[in-house]
Amino acid sequence: MNRLRRVASHTVDSYLQAHRHPWNRRLHYLAFLCATIAWPLLFRHWPSALSLALLHYALSAFGHYRFEHNHPGFYKRPWLGMVGGYLWFFLRTYQWLKSVTRTLFPK
């Protein structure tokens, strides 16, 4: 379990190093939200899933070219970008839901 935690931490740290600009992170959050919604649609309505997947890549690439002035990592290491991106996306969503819950339901 410790090794898995170290690998996950390193992956997210590497991901954050490549995504420093706040607007790029916002675009990547929206991109991974699109990708997350696309997965269940894959077998129910594949044209929608394909559209969301393309939107995911377009938002990610735009963020890198416009704000980071670099190339997206999925060109060199597609699996690392996907795993690191999803880990970051789910951690950010968890943090956001936790803060909303604390605000709505104070102790």
PDB file of N, CA and C in Angstrom:
ATOM      1  N   MET A   1       0.821  -1.196   0.000  1.00  0.00           N
ATOM      2  CA  MET A   1       0.000   0.000   0.000  1.00  0.00           C
ATOM      3  C   MET A   1       0.868   1.263   0.000  1.00  0.00           C
ATOM      4  N   ASN A   2       1.979   1.242   0.750  1.00  0.00           N
ATOM      5  CA  ASN A   2       2.874   2.394   0.766  1.00  0.00           C
ATOM      6  C   ASN A   2       3.466   2.662  -0.612  1.00  0.00           C
ATOM      7  N   ARG A   3       3.838   1.596  -1.310  1.00  0.00           N
ATOM      8  CA  ARG A   3       4.408   1.766  -2.649  1.00  0.00           C
ATOM      9  C   ARG A   3       3.382   2.376  -3.598  1.00  0.00           C
ATOM     10  N   LEU A   4       2.151   1.910  -3.520  1.00  0.00           N
ATOM     11  CA  LEU A   4       1.082   2.459  -4.357  1.00  0.00           C
ATOM     12  C   LEU A   4       0.853   3.933  -4.048  1.00  0.00           C
ATOM     13  N   ARG A   5       0.882   4.279  -2.776  1.00  0.00           N
ATOM     14  CA  ARG A   5       0.699   5.680  -2.373  1.00  0.00           C
ATOM     15  C   ARG A   5       1.849   6.551  -2.893  1.00  0.00           C
ATOM     16  N   ARG A   6       3.073   6.036  -2.827  1.00  0.00           N
ATOM     17  CA  ARG A   6       4.233   6.780  -3.341  1.00  0.00           C
ATOM     18  C   ARG A   6       4.147   6.971  -4.850  1.00  0.00           C
ATOM     19  N   VAL A   7       3.761   5.925  -5.561  1.00  0.00           N
ATOM     20  CA  VAL A   7       3.635   6.020  -7.014  1.00  0.00           C
ATOM     21  C   VAL A   7       2.532   7.014  -7.377  1.00  0.00           C
ATOM     22  N   ALA A   8       1.404   6.956  -6.682  1.00  0.00           N
ATOM     23  CA  ALA A   8       0.305   7.887  -6.951  1.00  0.00           C
ATOM     24  C   ALA A   8       0.729   9.315  -6.653  1.00  0.00           C
ATOM     25  N   SER A   9       1.428   9.523  -5.558  1.00  0.00           N
ATOM     26  CA  SER A   9       1.892  10.861  -5.195  1.00  0.00           C
ATOM     27  C   SER A   9       2.870  11.399  -6.234  1.00  0.00           C
ATOM     28  N   HIS A  10       3.797  10.552  -6.670  1.00  0.00           N
ATOM     29  CA  HIS A  10       4.767  10.963  -7.693  1.00  0.00           C
ATOM     30  C   HIS A  10       4.063  11.290  -9.009  1.00  0.00           C
ATOM     31  N   THR A  11       3.071  10.491  -9.368  1.00  0.00           N
ATOM     32  CA  THR A  11       2.338  10.709 -10.618  1.00  0.00           C
ATOM     33  C   THR A  11       1.591  12.026 -10.575  1.00  0.00           C
ATOM     34  N   VAL A  12       0.907  12.310  -9.474  1.00  0.00           N
ATOM     35  CA  VAL A  12       0.172  13.568  -9.348  1.00  0.00           C
ATOM     36  C   VAL A  12       1.143  14.745  -9.305  1.00  0.00           C
ATOM     37  N   ASP A  13       2.265  14.604  -8.599  1.00  0.00           N
ATOM     38  CA  ASP A  13       3.270  15.679  -8.569  1.00  0.00           C
ATOM     39  C   ASP A  13       3.805  15.984  -9.964  1.00  0.00           C
ATOM     40  N   SER A  14       4.097  14.938 -10.730  1.00  0.00           N
ATOM     41  CA  SER A  14       4.568  15.135 -12.105  1.00  0.00           C
ATOM     42  C   SER A  14       3.499  15.817 -12.942  1.00  0.00           C
ATOM     43  N   TYR A  15       2.267  15.424 -12.733  1.00  0.00           N
ATOM     44  CA  TYR A  15       1.148  16.030 -13.465  1.00  0.00           C
ATOM     45  C   TYR A  15       1.032  17.519 -13.129  1.00  0.00           C
ATOM     46  N   LEU A  16       1.144  17.853 -11.854  1.00  0.00           N
ATOM     47  CA  LEU A  16       1.017  19.253 -11.436  1.00  0.00           C
ATOM     48  C   LEU A  16       2.175  20.115 -11.945  1.00  0.00           C
ATOM     49  N   GLN A  17       3.364  19.526 -12.090  1.00  0.00           N
ATOM     50  CA  GLN A  17       4.504  20.267 -12.634  1.00  0.00           C
ATOM     51  C   GLN A  17       4.250  20.692 -14.073  1.00  0.00           C
ATOM     52  N   ALA A  18       3.529  19.869 -14.818  1.00  0.00           N
ATOM     53  CA  ALA A  18       3.248  20.177 -16.224  1.00  0.00           C
ATOM     54  C   ALA A  18       2.008  21.050 -16.390  1.00  0.00           C
ATOM     55  N   HIS A  19       1.301  21.302 -15.298  1.00  0.00           N
ATOM     56  CA  HIS A  19       0.047  22.065 -15.346  1.00  0.00           C
ATOM     57  C   HIS A  19       0.066  23.127 -14.240  1.00  0.00           C
ATOM     58  N   ARG A  20       0.880  24.136 -14.429  1.00  0.00           N
ATOM     59  CA  ARG A  20       1.061  25.159 -13.390  1.00  0.00           C
ATOM     60  C   ARG A  20       0.075  26.315 -13.489  1.00  0.00           C
ATOM     61  N   HIS A  21      -0.321  26.667 -14.688  1.00  0.00           N
ATOM     62  CA  HIS A  21      -1.185  27.828 -14.869  1.00  0.00           C
ATOM     63  C   HIS A  21      -2.614  27.499 -14.403  1.00  0.00           C
ATOM     64  N   PRO A  22      -3.239  28.398 -13.613  1.00  0.00           N
ATOM     65  CA  PRO A  22      -4.575  28.107 -13.084  1.00  0.00           C
ATOM     66  C   PRO A  22      -5.633  27.885 -14.176  1.00  0.00           C
ATOM     67  N   TRP A  23      -5.548  28.622 -15.278  1.00  0.00           N
ATOM     68  CA  TRP A  23      -6.539  28.426 -16.347  1.00  0.00           C
ATOM     69  C   TRP A  23      -6.329  27.097 -17.051  1.00  0.00           C
ATOM     70  N   ASN A  24      -5.096  26.666 -17.164  1.00  0.00           N
ATOM     71  CA  ASN A  24      -4.845  25.352 -17.745  1.00  0.00           C
ATOM     72  C   ASN A  24      -5.418  24.266 -16.840  1.00  0.00           C
ATOM     73  N   ARG A  25      -5.281  24.420 -15.552  1.00  0.00           N
ATOM     74  CA  ARG A  25      -5.856  23.431 -14.623  1.00  0.00           C
ATOM     75  C   ARG A  25      -7.377  23.421 -14.708  1.00  0.00           C
ATOM     76  N   ARG A  26      -7.978  24.588 -14.861  1.00  0.00           N
ATOM     77  CA  ARG A  26      -9.440  24.640 -15.012  1.00  0.00           C
ATOM     78  C   ARG A  26      -9.884  23.932 -16.291  1.00  0.00           C
ATOM     79  N   LEU A  27      -9.173  24.194 -17.374  1.00  0.00           N
ATOM     80  CA  LEU A  27      -9.509  23.533 -18.634  1.00  0.00           C
ATOM     81  C   LEU A  27      -9.318  22.023 -18.532  1.00  0.00           C
ATOM     82  N   HIS A  28      -8.269  21.600 -17.854  1.00  0.00           N
ATOM     83  CA  HIS A  28      -8.040  20.168 -17.678  1.00  0.00           C
ATOM     84  C   HIS A  28      -9.106  19.543 -16.778  1.00  0.00           C
ATOM     85  N   TYR A  29      -9.573  20.282 -15.795  1.00  0.00           N
ATOM     86  CA  TYR A  29     -10.647  19.744 -14.953  1.00  0.00           C
ATOM     87  C   TYR A  29     -11.892  19.515 -15.803  1.00  0.00           C
ATOM     88  N   LEU A  30     -12.247  20.508 -16.624  1.00  0.00           N
ATOM     89  CA  LEU A  30     -13.399  20.345 -17.523  1.00  0.00           C
ATOM     90  C   LEU A  30     -13.172  19.202 -18.513  1.00  0.00           C
ATOM     91  N   ALA A  31     -11.939  19.085 -19.002  1.00  0.00           N
ATOM     92  CA  ALA A  31     -11.619  18.015 -19.946  1.00  0.00           C
ATOM     93  C   ALA A  31     -11.819  16.645 -19.307  1.00  0.00           C
ATOM     94  N   PHE A  32     -11.348  16.471 -18.082  1.00  0.00           N
ATOM     95  CA  PHE A  32     -11.513  15.173 -17.425  1.00  0.00           C
ATOM     96  C   PHE A  32     -12.946  14.936 -16.984  1.00  0.00           C
ATOM     97  N   LEU A  33     -13.691  15.995 -16.744  1.00  0.00           N
ATOM     98  CA  LEU A  33     -15.124  15.836 -16.486  1.00  0.00           C
ATOM     99  C   LEU A  33     -15.809  15.300 -17.744  1.00  0.00           C
ATOM    100  N   CYS A  34     -15.456  15.852 -18.902  1.00  0.00           N
ATOM    101  CA  CYS A  34     -15.991  15.347 -20.177  1.00  0.00           C
ATOM    102  C   CYS A  34     -15.626  13.883 -20.382  1.00  0.00           C
ATOM    103  N   ALA A  35     -14.381  13.540 -20.108  1.00  0.00           N
ATOM    104  CA  ALA A  35     -13.929  12.162 -20.292  1.00  0.00           C
ATOM    105  C   ALA A  35     -14.652  11.214 -19.330  1.00  0.00           C
ATOM    106  N   THR A  36     -14.892  11.663 -18.112  1.00  0.00           N
ATOM    107  CA  THR A  36     -15.591  10.836 -17.120  1.00  0.00           C
ATOM    108  C   THR A  36     -17.032  10.592 -17.542  1.00  0.00           C
ATOM    109  N   ILE A  37     -17.675  11.613 -18.088  1.00  0.00           N
ATOM    110  CA  ILE A  37     -19.051  11.460 -18.576  1.00  0.00           C
ATOM    111  C   ILE A  37     -19.084  10.575 -19.819  1.00  0.00           C
ATOM    112  N   ALA A  38     -18.025  10.614 -20.627  1.00  0.00           N
ATOM    113  CA  ALA A  38     -17.985   9.845 -21.875  1.00  0.00           C
ATOM    114  C   ALA A  38     -17.929   8.339 -21.640  1.00  0.00           C
ATOM    115  N   TRP A  39     -17.257   7.905 -20.589  1.00  0.00           N
ATOM    116  CA  TRP A  39     -17.096   6.458 -20.381  1.00  0.00           C
ATOM    117  C   TRP A  39     -18.420   5.708 -20.302  1.00  0.00           C
ATOM    118  N   PRO A  40     -19.381   6.125 -19.484  1.00  0.00           N
ATOM    119  CA  PRO A  40     -20.646   5.368 -19.455  1.00  0.00           C
ATOM    120  C   PRO A  40     -21.424   5.466 -20.772  1.00  0.00           C
ATOM    121  N   LEU A  41     -21.222   6.539 -21.518  1.00  0.00           N
ATOM    122  CA  LEU A  41     -21.929   6.699 -22.786  1.00  0.00           C
ATOM    123  C   LEU A  41     -21.351   5.846 -23.902  1.00  0.00           C
ATOM    124  N   LEU A  42     -20.186   5.299 -23.679  1.00  0.00           N
ATOM    125  CA  LEU A  42     -19.486   4.567 -24.731  1.00  0.00           C
ATOM    126  C   LEU A  42     -20.347   3.460 -25.341  1.00  0.00           C
ATOM    127  N   PHE A  43     -21.099   2.743 -24.528  1.00  0.00           N
ATOM    128  CA  PHE A  43     -21.898   1.625 -25.019  1.00  0.00           C
ATOM    129  C   PHE A  43     -23.365   1.990 -25.242  1.00  0.00           C
ATOM    130  N   ARG A  44     -23.776   3.163 -24.783  1.00  0.00           N
ATOM    131  CA  ARG A  44     -25.175   3.561 -24.950  1.00  0.00           C
ATOM    132  C   ARG A  44     -25.353   4.471 -26.155  1.00  0.00           C
ATOM    133  N   HIS A  45     -24.442   5.406 -26.329  1.00  0.00           N
ATOM    134  CA  HIS A  45     -24.532   6.348 -27.451  1.00  0.00           C
ATOM    135  C   HIS A  45     -23.124   6.768 -27.818  1.00  0.00           C
ATOM    136  N   TRP A  46     -22.461   5.946 -28.626  1.00  0.00           N
ATOM    137  CA  TRP A  46     -21.042   6.152 -28.907  1.00  0.00           C
ATOM    138  C   TRP A  46     -20.735   7.477 -29.606  1.00  0.00           C
ATOM    139  N   PRO A  47     -21.625   8.075 -30.420  1.00  0.00           N
ATOM    140  CA  PRO A  47     -21.269   9.383 -31.001  1.00  0.00           C
ATOM    141  C   PRO A  47     -21.090  10.470 -29.937  1.00  0.00           C
ATOM    142  N   SER A  48     -21.899  10.422 -28.892  1.00  0.00           N
ATOM    143  CA  SER A  48     -21.739  11.387 -27.790  1.00  0.00           C
ATOM    144  C   SER A  48     -20.436  11.142 -27.049  1.00  0.00           C
ATOM    145  N   ALA A  49     -20.122   9.878 -26.832  1.00  0.00           N
ATOM    146  CA  ALA A  49     -18.866   9.539 -26.151  1.00  0.00           C
ATOM    147  C   ALA A  49     -17.672  10.005 -26.972  1.00  0.00           C
ATOM    148  N   LEU A  50     -17.730   9.802 -28.269  1.00  0.00           N
ATOM    149  CA  LEU A  50     -16.648  10.239 -29.140  1.00  0.00           C
ATOM    150  C   LEU A  50     -16.518  11.766 -29.130  1.00  0.00           C
ATOM    151  N   SER A  51     -17.646  12.467 -29.160  1.00  0.00           N
ATOM    152  CA  SER A  51     -17.619  13.935 -29.110  1.00  0.00           C
ATOM    153  C   SER A  51     -17.006  14.437 -27.811  1.00  0.00           C
ATOM    154  N   LEU A  52     -17.374  13.827 -26.695  1.00  0.00           N
ATOM    155  CA  LEU A  52     -16.813  14.227 -25.404  1.00  0.00           C
ATOM    156  C   LEU A  52     -15.321  13.902 -25.314  1.00  0.00           C
ATOM    157  N   ALA A  53     -14.921  12.777 -25.884  1.00  0.00           N
ATOM    158  CA  ALA A  53     -13.496  12.425 -25.880  1.00  0.00           C
ATOM    159  C   ALA A  53     -12.699  13.430 -26.708  1.00  0.00           C
ATOM    160  N   LEU A  54     -13.220  13.819 -27.859  1.00  0.00           N
ATOM    161  CA  LEU A  54     -12.539  14.822 -28.679  1.00  0.00           C
ATOM    162  C   LEU A  54     -12.500  16.170 -27.974  1.00  0.00           C
ATOM    163  N   LEU A  55     -13.585  16.521 -27.289  1.00  0.00           N
ATOM    164  CA  LEU A  55     -13.603  17.767 -26.517  1.00  0.00           C
ATOM    165  C   LEU A  55     -12.564  17.717 -25.403  1.00  0.00           C
ATOM    166  N   HIS A  56     -12.425  16.557 -24.777  1.00  0.00           N
ATOM    167  CA  HIS A  56     -11.406  16.369 -23.734  1.00  0.00           C
ATOM    168  C   HIS A  56     -10.016  16.709 -24.289  1.00  0.00           C
ATOM    169  N   TYR A  57      -9.671  16.124 -25.432  1.00  0.00           N
ATOM    170  CA  TYR A  57      -8.347  16.378 -26.014  1.00  0.00           C
ATOM    171  C   TYR A  57      -8.201  17.817 -26.489  1.00  0.00           C
ATOM    172  N   ALA A  58      -9.271  18.396 -27.029  1.00  0.00           N
ATOM    173  CA  ALA A  58      -9.200  19.781 -27.507  1.00  0.00           C
ATOM    174  C   ALA A  58      -8.972  20.750 -26.341  1.00  0.00           C
ATOM    175  N   LEU A  59      -9.703  20.564 -25.250  1.00  0.00           N
ATOM    176  CA  LEU A  59      -9.529  21.439 -24.081  1.00  0.00           C
ATOM    177  C   LEU A  59      -8.129  21.298 -23.491  1.00  0.00           C
ATOM    178  N   SER A  60      -7.656  20.064 -23.392  1.00  0.00           N
ATOM    179  CA  SER A  60      -6.321  19.826 -22.838  1.00  0.00           C
ATOM    180  C   SER A  60      -5.241  20.458 -23.707  1.00  0.00           C
ATOM    181  N   ALA A  61      -5.326  20.227 -25.008  1.00  0.00           N
ATOM    182  CA  ALA A  61      -4.321  20.771 -25.918  1.00  0.00           C
ATOM    183  C   ALA A  61      -4.352  22.294 -25.925  1.00  0.00           C
ATOM    184  N   PHE A  62      -5.550  22.882 -25.944  1.00  0.00           N
ATOM    185  CA  PHE A  62      -5.668  24.335 -25.929  1.00  0.00           C
ATOM    186  C   PHE A  62      -5.021  24.917 -24.673  1.00  0.00           C
ATOM    187  N   GLY A  63      -5.253  24.292 -23.523  1.00  0.00           N
ATOM    188  CA  GLY A  63      -4.660  24.764 -22.276  1.00  0.00           C
ATOM    189  C   GLY A  63      -3.140  24.748 -22.320  1.00  0.00           C
ATOM    190  N   HIS A  64      -2.588  23.699 -22.885  1.00  0.00           N
ATOM    191  CA  HIS A  64      -1.129  23.618 -22.969  1.00  0.00           C
ATOM    192  C   HIS A  64      -0.561  24.648 -23.936  1.00  0.00           C
ATOM    193  N   TYR A  65      -1.161  24.752 -25.111  1.00  0.00           N
ATOM    194  CA  TYR A  65      -0.616  25.673 -26.123  1.00  0.00           C
ATOM    195  C   TYR A  65      -0.831  27.125 -25.737  1.00  0.00           C
ATOM    196  N   ARG A  66      -1.986  27.444 -25.144  1.00  0.00           N
ATOM    197  CA  ARG A  66      -2.317  28.835 -24.840  1.00  0.00           C
ATOM    198  C   ARG A  66      -1.690  29.321 -23.535  1.00  0.00           C
ATOM    199  N   PHE A  67      -1.722  28.507 -22.495  1.00  0.00           N
ATOM    200  CA  PHE A  67      -1.306  28.970 -21.178  1.00  0.00           C
ATOM    201  C   PHE A  67       0.060  28.450 -20.734  1.00  0.00           C
ATOM    202  N   GLU A  68       0.367  27.199 -21.032  1.00  0.00           N
ATOM    203  CA  GLU A  68       1.644  26.624 -20.595  1.00  0.00           C
ATOM    204  C   GLU A  68       2.742  26.809 -21.640  1.00  0.00           C
ATOM    205  N   HIS A  69       2.358  27.013 -22.873  1.00  0.00           N
ATOM    206  CA  HIS A  69       3.298  27.147 -23.998  1.00  0.00           C
ATOM    207  C   HIS A  69       4.191  25.920 -24.123  1.00  0.00           C
ATOM    208  N   ASN A  70       3.566  24.748 -23.994  1.00  0.00           N
ATOM    209  CA  ASN A  70       4.284  23.493 -24.178  1.00  0.00           C
ATOM    210  C   ASN A  70       3.355  22.482 -24.849  1.00  0.00           C
ATOM    211  N   HIS A  71       3.876  21.309 -25.119  1.00  0.00           N
ATOM    212  CA  HIS A  71       3.080  20.266 -25.753  1.00  0.00           C
ATOM    213  C   HIS A  71       2.435  19.398 -24.678  1.00  0.00           C
ATOM    214  N   PRO A  72       1.210  18.945 -24.929  1.00  0.00           N
ATOM    215  CA  PRO A  72       0.557  18.050 -23.974  1.00  0.00           C
ATOM    216  C   PRO A  72       1.352  16.752 -23.794  1.00  0.00           C
ATOM    217  N   GLY A  73       1.303  16.223 -22.594  1.00  0.00           N
ATOM    218  CA  GLY A  73       2.049  15.008 -22.280  1.00  0.00           C
ATOM    219  C   GLY A  73       1.515  13.767 -22.966  1.00  0.00           C
ATOM    220  N   PHE A  74       0.266  13.809 -23.454  1.00  0.00           N
ATOM    221  CA  PHE A  74      -0.267  12.599 -24.068  1.00  0.00           C
ATOM    222  C   PHE A  74       0.401  12.279 -25.400  1.00  0.00           C
ATOM    223  N   TYR A  75       1.207  13.190 -25.929  1.00  0.00           N
ATOM    224  CA  TYR A  75       1.979  12.873 -27.130  1.00  0.00           C
ATOM    225  C   TYR A  75       3.129  11.923 -26.804  1.00  0.00           C
ATOM    226  N   LYS A  76       3.765  12.134 -25.651  1.00  0.00           N
ATOM    227  CA  LYS A  76       4.931  11.328 -25.288  1.00  0.00           C
ATOM    228  C   LYS A  76       4.564  10.135 -24.405  1.00  0.00           C
ATOM    229  N   ARG A  77       3.760  10.386 -23.382  1.00  0.00           N
ATOM    230  CA  ARG A  77       3.410   9.333 -22.415  1.00  0.00           C
ATOM    231  C   ARG A  77       1.892   9.342 -22.173  1.00  0.00           C
ATOM    232  N   PRO A  78       1.115   8.745 -23.080  1.00  0.00           N
ATOM    233  CA  PRO A  78      -0.345   8.826 -22.955  1.00  0.00           C
ATOM    234  C   PRO A  78      -0.893   8.188 -21.678  1.00  0.00           C
ATOM    235  N   TRP A  79      -0.321   7.072 -21.243  1.00  0.00           N
ATOM    236  CA  TRP A  79      -0.852   6.409 -20.044  1.00  0.00           C
ATOM    237  C   TRP A  79      -0.573   7.218 -18.781  1.00  0.00           C
ATOM    238  N   LEU A  80       0.613   7.815 -18.700  1.00  0.00           N
ATOM    239  CA  LEU A  80       0.944   8.623 -17.527  1.00  0.00           C
ATOM    240  C   LEU A  80       0.026   9.841 -17.443  1.00  0.00           C
ATOM    241  N   GLY A  81      -0.230  10.474 -18.577  1.00  0.00           N
ATOM    242  CA  GLY A  81      -1.128  11.624 -18.586  1.00  0.00           C
ATOM    243  C   GLY A  81      -2.542  11.251 -18.192  1.00  0.00           C
ATOM    244  N   MET A  82      -3.000  10.098 -18.659  1.00  0.00           N
ATOM    245  CA  MET A  82      -4.358   9.680 -18.323  1.00  0.00           C
ATOM    246  C   MET A  82      -4.473   9.308 -16.845  1.00  0.00           C
ATOM    247  N   VAL A  83      -3.547   8.512 -16.370  1.00  0.00           N
ATOM    248  CA  VAL A  83      -3.596   8.084 -14.962  1.00  0.00           C
ATOM    249  C   VAL A  83      -3.388   9.282 -14.030  1.00  0.00           C
ATOM    250  N   GLY A  84      -2.366  10.091 -14.308  1.00  0.00           N
ATOM    251  CA  GLY A  84      -2.108  11.271 -13.479  1.00  0.00           C
ATOM    252  C   GLY A  84      -3.258  12.249 -13.524  1.00  0.00           C
ATOM    253  N   GLY A  85      -3.830  12.438 -14.697  1.00  0.00           N
ATOM    254  CA  GLY A  85      -4.960  13.348 -14.833  1.00  0.00           C
ATOM    255  C   GLY A  85      -6.185  12.877 -14.070  1.00  0.00           C
ATOM    256  N   TYR A  86      -6.488  11.593 -14.177  1.00  0.00           N
ATOM    257  CA  TYR A  86      -7.640  11.075 -13.438  1.00  0.00           C
ATOM    258  C   TYR A  86      -7.403  11.104 -11.928  1.00  0.00           C
ATOM    259  N   LEU A  87      -6.213  10.763 -11.497  1.00  0.00           N
ATOM    260  CA  LEU A  87      -5.928  10.862 -10.055  1.00  0.00           C
ATOM    261  C   LEU A  87      -6.121  12.291  -9.573  1.00  0.00           C
ATOM    262  N   TRP A  88      -5.569  13.246 -10.305  1.00  0.00           N
ATOM    263  CA  TRP A  88      -5.707  14.659  -9.942  1.00  0.00           C
ATOM    264  C   TRP A  88      -7.175  15.074  -9.969  1.00  0.00           C
ATOM    265  N   PHE A  89      -7.906  14.678 -11.015  1.00  0.00           N
ATOM    266  CA  PHE A  89      -9.321  15.031 -11.155  1.00  0.00           C
ATOM    267  C   PHE A  89     -10.136  14.512  -9.966  1.00  0.00           C
ATOM    268  N   PHE A  90      -9.939  13.247  -9.614  1.00  0.00           N
ATOM    269  CA  PHE A  90     -10.718  12.686  -8.509  1.00  0.00           C
ATOM    270  C   PHE A  90     -10.311  13.273  -7.162  1.00  0.00           C
ATOM    271  N   LEU A  91      -9.036  13.567  -6.966  1.00  0.00           N
ATOM    272  CA  LEU A  91      -8.606  14.218  -5.722  1.00  0.00           C
ATOM    273  C   LEU A  91      -9.185  15.624  -5.612  1.00  0.00           C
ATOM    274  N   ARG A  92      -9.173  16.389  -6.700  1.00  0.00           N
ATOM    275  CA  ARG A  92      -9.750  17.750  -6.688  1.00  0.00           C
ATOM    276  C   ARG A  92     -11.251  17.690  -6.434  1.00  0.00           C
ATOM    277  N   THR A  93     -11.927  16.732  -7.065  1.00  0.00           N
ATOM    278  CA  THR A  93     -13.372  16.590  -6.860  1.00  0.00           C
ATOM    279  C   THR A  93     -13.670  16.232  -5.415  1.00  0.00           C
ATOM    280  N   TYR A  94     -12.881  15.322  -4.844  1.00  0.00           N
ATOM    281  CA  TYR A  94     -13.054  14.949  -3.437  1.00  0.00           C
ATOM    282  C   TYR A  94     -12.847  16.159  -2.525  1.00  0.00           C
ATOM    283  N   GLN A  95     -11.791  16.939  -2.782  1.00  0.00           N
ATOM    284  CA  GLN A  95     -11.535  18.127  -1.956  1.00  0.00           C
ATOM    285  C   GLN A  95     -12.673  19.132  -2.076  1.00  0.00           C
ATOM    286  N   TRP A  96     -13.166  19.321  -3.299  1.00  0.00           N
ATOM    287  CA  TRP A  96     -14.260  20.265  -3.519  1.00  0.00           C
ATOM    288  C   TRP A  96     -15.531  19.792  -2.813  1.00  0.00           C
ATOM    289  N   LEU A  97     -15.877  18.521  -2.947  1.00  0.00           N
ATOM    290  CA  LEU A  97     -17.070  17.999  -2.292  1.00  0.00           C
ATOM    291  C   LEU A  97     -16.953  18.070  -0.771  1.00  0.00           C
ATOM    292  N   LYS A  98     -15.753  17.830  -0.268  1.00  0.00           N
ATOM    293  CA  LYS A  98     -15.529  17.921   1.182  1.00  0.00           C
ATOM    294  C   LYS A  98     -15.754  19.346   1.683  1.00  0.00           C
ATOM    295  N   SER A  99     -15.253  20.338   0.945  1.00  0.00           N
ATOM    296  CA  SER A  99     -15.428  21.724   1.380  1.00  0.00           C
ATOM    297  C   SER A  99     -16.891  22.160   1.258  1.00  0.00           C
ATOM    298  N   VAL A 100     -17.572  21.700   0.221  1.00  0.00           N
ATOM    299  CA  VAL A 100     -18.996  22.032   0.071  1.00  0.00           C
ATOM    300  C   VAL A 100     -19.802  21.395   1.191  1.00  0.00           C
ATOM    301  N   THR A 101     -19.493  20.155   1.510  1.00  0.00           N
ATOM    302  CA  THR A 101     -20.201  19.467   2.592  1.00  0.00           C
ATOM    303  C   THR A 101     -19.992  20.164   3.927  1.00  0.00           C
ATOM    304  N   ARG A 102     -18.771  20.587   4.200  1.00  0.00           N
ATOM    305  CA  ARG A 102     -18.490  21.296   5.459  1.00  0.00           C
ATOM    306  C   ARG A 102     -19.224  22.636   5.515  1.00  0.00           C
ATOM    307  N   THR A 103     -19.357  23.284   4.375  1.00  0.00           N
ATOM    308  CA  THR A 103     -20.065  24.564   4.343  1.00  0.00           C
ATOM    309  C   THR A 103     -21.567  24.361   4.538  1.00  0.00           C
ATOM    310  N   LEU A 104     -22.114  23.361   3.882  1.00  0.00           N
ATOM    311  CA  LEU A 104     -23.567  23.124   3.972  1.00  0.00           C
ATOM    312  C   LEU A 104     -23.985  22.492   5.284  1.00  0.00           C
ATOM    313  N   PHE A 105     -23.117  21.652   5.849  1.00  0.00           N
ATOM    314  CA  PHE A 105     -23.447  20.933   7.078  1.00  0.00           C
ATOM    315  C   PHE A 105     -22.380  21.153   8.132  1.00  0.00           C
ATOM    316  N   PRO A 106     -22.301  22.368   8.719  1.00  0.00           N
ATOM    317  CA  PRO A 106     -21.282  22.593   9.750  1.00  0.00           C
ATOM    318  C   PRO A 106     -21.574  21.752  10.990  1.00  0.00           C
ATOM    319  N   LYS A 107     -20.528  21.480  11.728  1.00  0.00           N
ATOM    320  CA  LYS A 107     -20.685  20.651  12.954  1.00  0.00           C
ATOM    321  C   LYS A 107     -21.320  21.417  14.078  1.00  0.00           C
TER     322      LYS A 107
END
